[in-house]
Each structure stands twice: as C-alpha cells, then as structure tokens.
Amino acid sequence: MPEALWPGERWSLDFLSDTFRASHRFRILAVNDDCSRENLCLMADTSISGARVAQELDALVRLYGKPASIVSDNGTEFTSRAIL
C-alpha cells in the first residue's frame, strides 16, 4: 500500500477488545490518520454495531472533512449495510 502523503488522504479503522473481568468484554473503535498518525477517534462500548461505526465516521467527516480513502480489515462491523 502506498504511503499517505497528506493529512486526510487515508484513515485506518480497527477494533481492539479486552475484558474488565472474566465476563465483561468491551471493544474500542480506533480511527487514525495514516499521514499525520493522529488518532481521530477512540470510541469504547460493550457492543459496536455497523450503524454505530457509520455514525462515528459521519461525525469525524463533519470535523475533519472526508478522507480520500479508508482502510480496514473485513470485520463484520465494516461489511454491514450500514457501512455501505
């Protein structure tokens, strides 16, 4: 993948997950600008749907403008109708 040359050119999305205790799992959506390496969003919750991801991306576009591209893995949150 070519290097991002200017801020806002490409954002990367990924999920992290952990547990508070044995049965209390939580997830974090991380959105980063690939050029500036700025973290644009860390959103934590016990469950994050595709609709919630789309809502957070809409808010980020209002703040930072629309990126030229977005890269992510093929997790179910990124392949839902809400994202399309």
Protein backbone atom coordinates (compact mmCIF):
# COMPACT_ATOMS: atom_id res chain seq x y z
CA MET A 1 0.00 0.00 0.00
CA PRO A 2 1.45 3.40 -0.94
CA GLU A 3 2.33 5.81 1.85
CA ALA A 4 -0.24 8.51 2.67
CA LEU A 5 1.33 11.83 1.66
CA TRP A 6 -1.01 14.42 3.21
CA PRO A 7 -3.33 14.56 6.24
CA GLY A 8 -6.84 13.40 5.40
CA GLU A 9 -5.70 11.27 2.48
CA ARG A 10 -6.29 7.94 4.21
CA TRP A 11 -7.80 6.85 7.52
CA SER A 12 -7.29 3.42 9.10
CA LEU A 13 -10.01 1.78 11.20
CA ASP A 14 -9.54 -1.11 13.58
CA PHE A 15 -11.09 -2.69 16.65
CA LEU A 16 -9.38 -3.60 19.90
CA SER A 17 -11.02 -5.65 22.59
CA ASP A 18 -10.35 -6.59 26.19
CA THR A 19 -12.18 -7.61 29.33
CA PHE A 20 -12.69 -5.93 32.70
CA ARG A 21 -13.28 -9.27 34.36
CA ALA A 22 -13.83 -12.76 33.04
CA SER A 23 -17.24 -11.96 31.53
CA HIS A 24 -17.21 -8.18 30.96
CA ARG A 25 -15.84 -7.68 27.45
CA PHE A 26 -15.51 -4.27 25.80
CA ARG A 27 -14.42 -3.08 22.37
CA ILE A 28 -12.71 0.08 21.15
CA LEU A 29 -13.02 1.53 17.66
CA ALA A 30 -9.77 3.29 16.70
CA VAL A 31 -9.61 5.67 13.73
CA ASN A 32 -6.21 7.07 12.74
CA ASP A 33 -4.97 9.42 10.03
CA ASP A 34 -2.24 7.47 8.22
CA CYS A 35 -0.17 10.51 7.24
CA SER A 36 -0.11 12.52 10.46
CA ARG A 37 -0.56 9.41 12.66
CA GLU A 38 -3.09 11.42 14.62
CA ASN A 39 -5.69 9.41 16.48
CA LEU A 40 -9.04 10.82 15.35
CA CYS A 41 -11.32 8.61 17.45
CA LEU A 42 -11.24 6.08 20.28
CA MET A 43 -14.80 5.00 20.93
CA ALA A 44 -15.38 2.32 23.58
CA ASP A 45 -18.52 0.30 24.30
CA THR A 46 -19.57 -3.22 25.14
CA SER A 47 -21.02 -3.66 21.65
CA ILE A 48 -20.33 -1.63 18.50
CA SER A 49 -22.61 -2.20 15.50
CA GLY A 50 -22.05 -1.23 11.88
CA ALA A 51 -24.63 1.54 12.33
CA ARG A 52 -22.63 2.92 15.28
CA VAL A 53 -19.42 2.83 13.22
CA ALA A 54 -21.18 4.74 10.42
CA GLN A 55 -22.47 7.30 12.94
CA GLU A 56 -18.94 7.86 14.30
CA LEU A 57 -17.50 8.17 10.78
CA ASP A 58 -20.15 10.77 9.90
CA ALA A 59 -19.15 12.79 12.96
CA LEU A 60 -15.46 12.57 12.02
CA VAL A 61 -16.19 13.71 8.45
CA ARG A 62 -18.00 16.76 9.86
CA LEU A 63 -14.94 17.58 12.00
CA TYR A 64 -12.04 16.73 9.66
CA GLY A 65 -13.55 16.53 6.19
CA LYS A 66 -13.94 13.44 4.03
CA PRO A 67 -10.77 11.34 3.58
CA ALA A 68 -9.73 10.24 0.11
CA SER A 69 -9.84 6.61 1.29
CA ILE A 70 -10.45 4.44 4.34
CA VAL A 71 -8.73 1.13 5.03
CA SER A 72 -9.85 -1.58 7.43
CA ASP A 73 -9.93 -5.31 7.88
CA ASN A 74 -13.03 -7.22 6.80
CA GLY A 75 -14.64 -7.39 10.23
CA THR A 76 -18.42 -7.71 10.35
CA GLU A 77 -18.76 -4.10 11.52
CA PHE A 78 -17.16 -2.93 8.27
CA THR A 79 -19.10 -5.18 5.89
CA SER A 80 -22.65 -4.40 7.05
CA ARG A 81 -25.30 -2.48 5.12
CA ALA A 82 -24.88 0.48 7.46
CA ILE A 83 -21.32 1.00 6.22
CA LEU A 84 -22.22 0.55 2.57
